C-alpha atoms as a PDB file:
ATOM      1  CA  MET A   1      47.400 106.905  90.627  1.00  0.00           C
ATOM      2  CA  LYS A   2      48.272 103.665  92.402  1.00  0.00           C
ATOM      3  CA  LYS A   3      46.253 102.553  95.367  1.00  0.00           C
ATOM      4  CA  ALA A   4      48.084 102.919  98.702  1.00  0.00           C
ATOM      5  CA  PHE A   5      49.256  99.646 100.190  1.00  0.00           C
ATOM      6  CA  THR A   6      47.521  99.384 103.563  1.00  0.00           C
ATOM      7  CA  ASP A   7      45.748  96.537 105.316  1.00  0.00           C
ATOM      8  CA  SER A   8      42.428  98.250 104.715  1.00  0.00           C
ATOM      9  CA  THR A   9      42.916  98.985 100.992  1.00  0.00           C
ATOM     10  CA  VAL A  10      44.657  95.926  99.511  1.00  0.00           C
ATOM     11  CA  THR A  11      43.178  92.441  99.403  1.00  0.00           C
ATOM     12  CA  LEU A  12      45.052  89.221  99.966  1.00  0.00           C
ATOM     13  CA  ALA A  13      44.417  88.298  96.326  1.00  0.00           C
ATOM     14  CA  GLU A  14      46.021  91.568  95.200  1.00  0.00           C
ATOM     15  CA  LEU A  15      49.064  90.930  97.375  1.00  0.00           C
ATOM     16  CA  LYS A  16      49.441  87.402  96.013  1.00  0.00           C
ATOM     17  CA  SER A  17      49.151  88.746  92.480  1.00  0.00           C
ATOM     18  CA  ARG A  18      51.757  91.464  93.073  1.00  0.00           C
ATOM     19  CA  VAL A  19      54.186  88.994  94.661  1.00  0.00           C
ATOM     20  CA  LEU A  20      53.734  86.567  91.758  1.00  0.00           C
ATOM     21  CA  ALA A  21      54.183  89.315  89.169  1.00  0.00           C
ATOM     22  CA  PHE A  22      57.357  90.503  90.908  1.00  0.00           C
ATOM     23  CA  ALA A  23      58.850  87.000  90.798  1.00  0.00           C
ATOM     24  CA  ARG A  24      57.778  86.401  87.180  1.00  0.00           C
ATOM     25  CA  GLU A  25      59.210  89.710  85.955  1.00  0.00           C
ATOM     26  CA  ARG A  26      62.582  88.562  87.291  1.00  0.00           C
ATOM     27  CA  ASP A  27      62.253  84.938  86.114  1.00  0.00           C
ATOM     28  CA  TRP A  28      62.594  83.759  89.718  1.00  0.00           C
ATOM     29  CA  GLU A  29      59.882  81.098  89.656  1.00  0.00           C
ATOM     30  CA  GLN A  30      62.542  78.626  88.554  1.00  0.00           C
ATOM     31  CA  PHE A  31      64.103  79.007  92.028  1.00  0.00           C
ATOM     32  CA  HIS A  32      60.832  78.976  93.953  1.00  0.00           C
ATOM     33  CA  ALA A  33      60.381  75.299  94.723  1.00  0.00           C
ATOM     34  CA  PRO A  34      58.413  74.685  97.927  1.00  0.00           C
ATOM     35  CA  LYS A  35      61.623  73.490  99.622  1.00  0.00           C
ATOM     36  CA  ASN A  36      63.465  76.700  98.797  1.00  0.00           C
ATOM     37  CA  LEU A  37      60.577  78.975  99.696  1.00  0.00           C
ATOM     38  CA  SER A  38      59.972  77.229 103.024  1.00  0.00           C
ATOM     39  CA  MET A  39      63.664  77.579 103.873  1.00  0.00           C
ATOM     40  CA  ALA A  40      63.687  81.257 102.858  1.00  0.00           C
ATOM     41  CA  LEU A  41      60.575  81.801 104.968  1.00  0.00           C
ATOM     42  CA  ALA A  42      62.293  80.235 107.998  1.00  0.00           C
ATOM     43  CA  ALA A  43      65.421  82.330 107.414  1.00  0.00           C
ATOM     44  CA  GLU A  44      63.401  85.546 107.246  1.00  0.00           C
ATOM     45  CA  ALA A  45      61.461  84.563 110.383  1.00  0.00           C
ATOM     46  CA  GLY A  46      64.837  84.153 112.083  1.00  0.00           C
ATOM     47  CA  GLU A  47      65.838  87.651 110.978  1.00  0.00           C
ATOM     48  CA  LEU A  48      62.602  88.983 112.467  1.00  0.00           C
ATOM     49  CA  MET A  49      63.310  87.144 115.720  1.00  0.00           C
ATOM     50  CA  GLU A  50      66.809  88.624 115.933  1.00  0.00           C
ATOM     51  CA  HIS A  51      65.334  92.010 116.788  1.00  0.00           C
ATOM     52  CA  PHE A  52      63.913  90.569 120.003  1.00  0.00           C
ATOM     53  CA  LEU A  53      66.666  88.149 121.001  1.00  0.00           C
ATOM     54  CA  TRP A  54      67.363  88.254 124.729  1.00  0.00           C
ATOM     55  CA  ALA A  55      64.669  90.863 125.378  1.00  0.00           C
ATOM     56  CA  SER A  56      62.007  90.252 127.998  1.00  0.00           C
ATOM     57  CA  PRO A  57      58.412  90.014 126.766  1.00  0.00           C
ATOM     58  CA  GLU A  58      57.797  93.549 128.022  1.00  0.00           C
ATOM     59  CA  ALA A  59      60.960  94.911 126.404  1.00  0.00           C
ATOM     60  CA  SER A  60      60.112  93.190 123.122  1.00  0.00           C
ATOM     61  CA  LEU A  61      56.923  95.236 122.865  1.00  0.00           C
ATOM     62  CA  GLY A  62      58.947  98.392 123.394  1.00  0.00           C
ATOM     63  CA  ILE A  63      61.377  97.331 120.670  1.00  0.00           C
ATOM     64  CA  ALA A  64      58.496  96.674 118.255  1.00  0.00           C
ATOM     65  CA  ARG A  65      57.103 100.140 118.935  1.00  0.00           C
ATOM     66  CA  SER A  66      60.456 101.928 118.828  1.00  0.00           C
ATOM     67  CA  LYS A  67      60.847 104.475 116.046  1.00  0.00           C
ATOM     68  CA  ALA A  68      64.468 103.429 115.609  1.00  0.00           C
ATOM     69  CA  LYS A  69      63.630  99.761 114.953  1.00  0.00           C
ATOM     70  CA  ARG A  70      60.093  99.858 113.537  1.00  0.00           C
ATOM     71  CA  GLY A  71      61.131 100.169 109.879  1.00  0.00           C
ATOM     72  CA  GLU A  72      63.606  97.289 110.097  1.00  0.00           C
ATOM     73  CA  ILE A  73      61.052  95.106 111.878  1.00  0.00           C
ATOM     74  CA  ALA A  74      58.397  95.975 109.284  1.00  0.00           C
ATOM     75  CA  ASP A  75      60.837  95.017 106.500  1.00  0.00           C
ATOM     76  CA  GLU A  76      61.498  91.618 108.087  1.00  0.00           C
ATOM     77  CA  LEU A  77      57.776  91.001 108.582  1.00  0.00           C
ATOM     78  CA  ALA A  78      57.210  91.938 104.938  1.00  0.00           C
ATOM     79  CA  ASP A  79      59.869  89.428 103.864  1.00  0.00           C
ATOM     80  CA  VAL A  80      58.158  86.687 105.900  1.00  0.00           C
ATOM     81  CA  VAL A  81      54.740  87.454 104.408  1.00  0.00           C
ATOM     82  CA  ILE A  82      56.110  87.788 100.864  1.00  0.00           C
ATOM     83  CA  TYR A  83      57.732  84.358 101.043  1.00  0.00           C
ATOM     84  CA  ALA A  84      54.561  82.890 102.552  1.00  0.00           C
ATOM     85  CA  LEU A  85      52.460  84.363  99.747  1.00  0.00           C
ATOM     86  CA  GLU A  86      54.870  83.144  97.075  1.00  0.00           C
ATOM     87  CA  PHE A  87      54.775  79.686  98.696  1.00  0.00           C
ATOM     88  CA  ALA A  88      50.984  79.801  98.364  1.00  0.00           C
ATOM     89  CA  ASN A  89      51.301  80.940  94.739  1.00  0.00           C
ATOM     90  CA  ILE A  90      53.712  78.173  93.763  1.00  0.00           C
ATOM     91  CA  THR A  91      51.818  75.407  95.578  1.00  0.00           C
ATOM     92  CA  GLY A  92      48.337  76.627  94.631  1.00  0.00           C
ATOM     93  CA  LEU A  93      47.261  76.922  98.254  1.00  0.00           C
ATOM     94  CA  ASP A  94      44.366  79.204  99.136  1.00  0.00           C
ATOM     95  CA  VAL A  95      45.686  81.253 102.070  1.00  0.00           C
ATOM     96  CA  ALA A  96      42.310  82.548 103.274  1.00  0.00           C
ATOM     97  CA  GLY A  97      40.808  79.062 103.064  1.00  0.00           C
ATOM     98  CA  ALA A  98      43.753  77.544 104.950  1.00  0.00           C
ATOM     99  CA  ILE A  99      43.508  80.231 107.647  1.00  0.00           C
ATOM    100  CA  GLY A 100      39.759  79.717 107.968  1.00  0.00           C
ATOM    101  CA  ARG A 101      40.162  75.952 108.379  1.00  0.00           C
ATOM    102  CA  LYS A 102      43.040  76.354 110.833  1.00  0.00           C
ATOM    103  CA  MET A 103      41.158  78.925 112.932  1.00  0.00           C
ATOM    104  CA  ALA A 104      38.158  76.567 113.117  1.00  0.00           C
ATOM    105  CA  ALA A 105      40.426  73.685 114.177  1.00  0.00           C
ATOM    106  CA  ASN A 106      42.122  75.897 116.757  1.00  0.00           C
ATOM    107  CA  ALA A 107      38.740  76.968 118.126  1.00  0.00           C
ATOM    108  CA  ARG A 108      37.915  73.298 118.706  1.00  0.00           C
ATOM    109  CA  LYS A 109      41.337  72.603 120.279  1.00  0.00           C
ATOM    110  CA  TYR A 110      41.292  75.743 122.398  1.00  0.00           C
ATOM    111  CA  PRO A 111      37.723  76.325 123.630  1.00  0.00           C
ATOM    112  CA  ILE A 112      37.345  79.737 125.267  1.00  0.00           C
ATOM    113  CA  ALA A 113      36.172  78.272 128.563  1.00  0.00           C
ATOM    114  CA  LYS A 114      39.399  76.245 128.911  1.00  0.00           C
ATOM    115  CA  ALA A 115      41.956  78.371 127.080  1.00  0.00           C
ATOM    116  CA  ARG A 116      41.101  81.962 128.054  1.00  0.00           C
ATOM    117  CA  GLY A 117      44.117  83.572 129.698  1.00  0.00           C
ATOM    118  CA  ARG A 118      46.196  80.395 129.517  1.00  0.00           C
ATOM    119  CA  SER A 119      49.183  79.587 127.323  1.00  0.00           C
ATOM    120  CA  ALA A 120      49.017  75.803 127.808  1.00  0.00           C
ATOM    121  CA  LYS A 121      48.986  73.551 124.766  1.00  0.00           C
ATOM    122  CA  TYR A 122      45.570  72.116 123.837  1.00  0.00           C
ATOM    123  CA  ASN A 123      46.400  68.676 125.234  1.00  0.00           C
ATOM    124  CA  GLU A 124      47.250  70.252 128.601  1.00  0.00           C
ATOM    125  CA  LEU A 125      44.064  72.291 129.082  1.00  0.00           C
END
């Protein structure tokens, strides 16, 4: 029996492996240059954004929670993450390591005492 795909049961490494296997089984790596993957990632992010176009911040949360839209939104998010993981596969980037470094840098740029409850950019805090 296959393990259920949930955030609490599947590791990032397993997801990367599954995404890579999917592309290899279809001989798609030949099309997965960083340029193409970054463009596909941006296109899918745009499709995710379409669900919230013209909605207020409050309404956007309602849309994200709506039973009618939730599946479509989840599919677009999955497309974004899949392309991001395949980008990491093709370029040999360690996603967890990159996130760890970026979070540490962001913590320095956005210290809690200055950034808490504020949306200003780090150079405006």
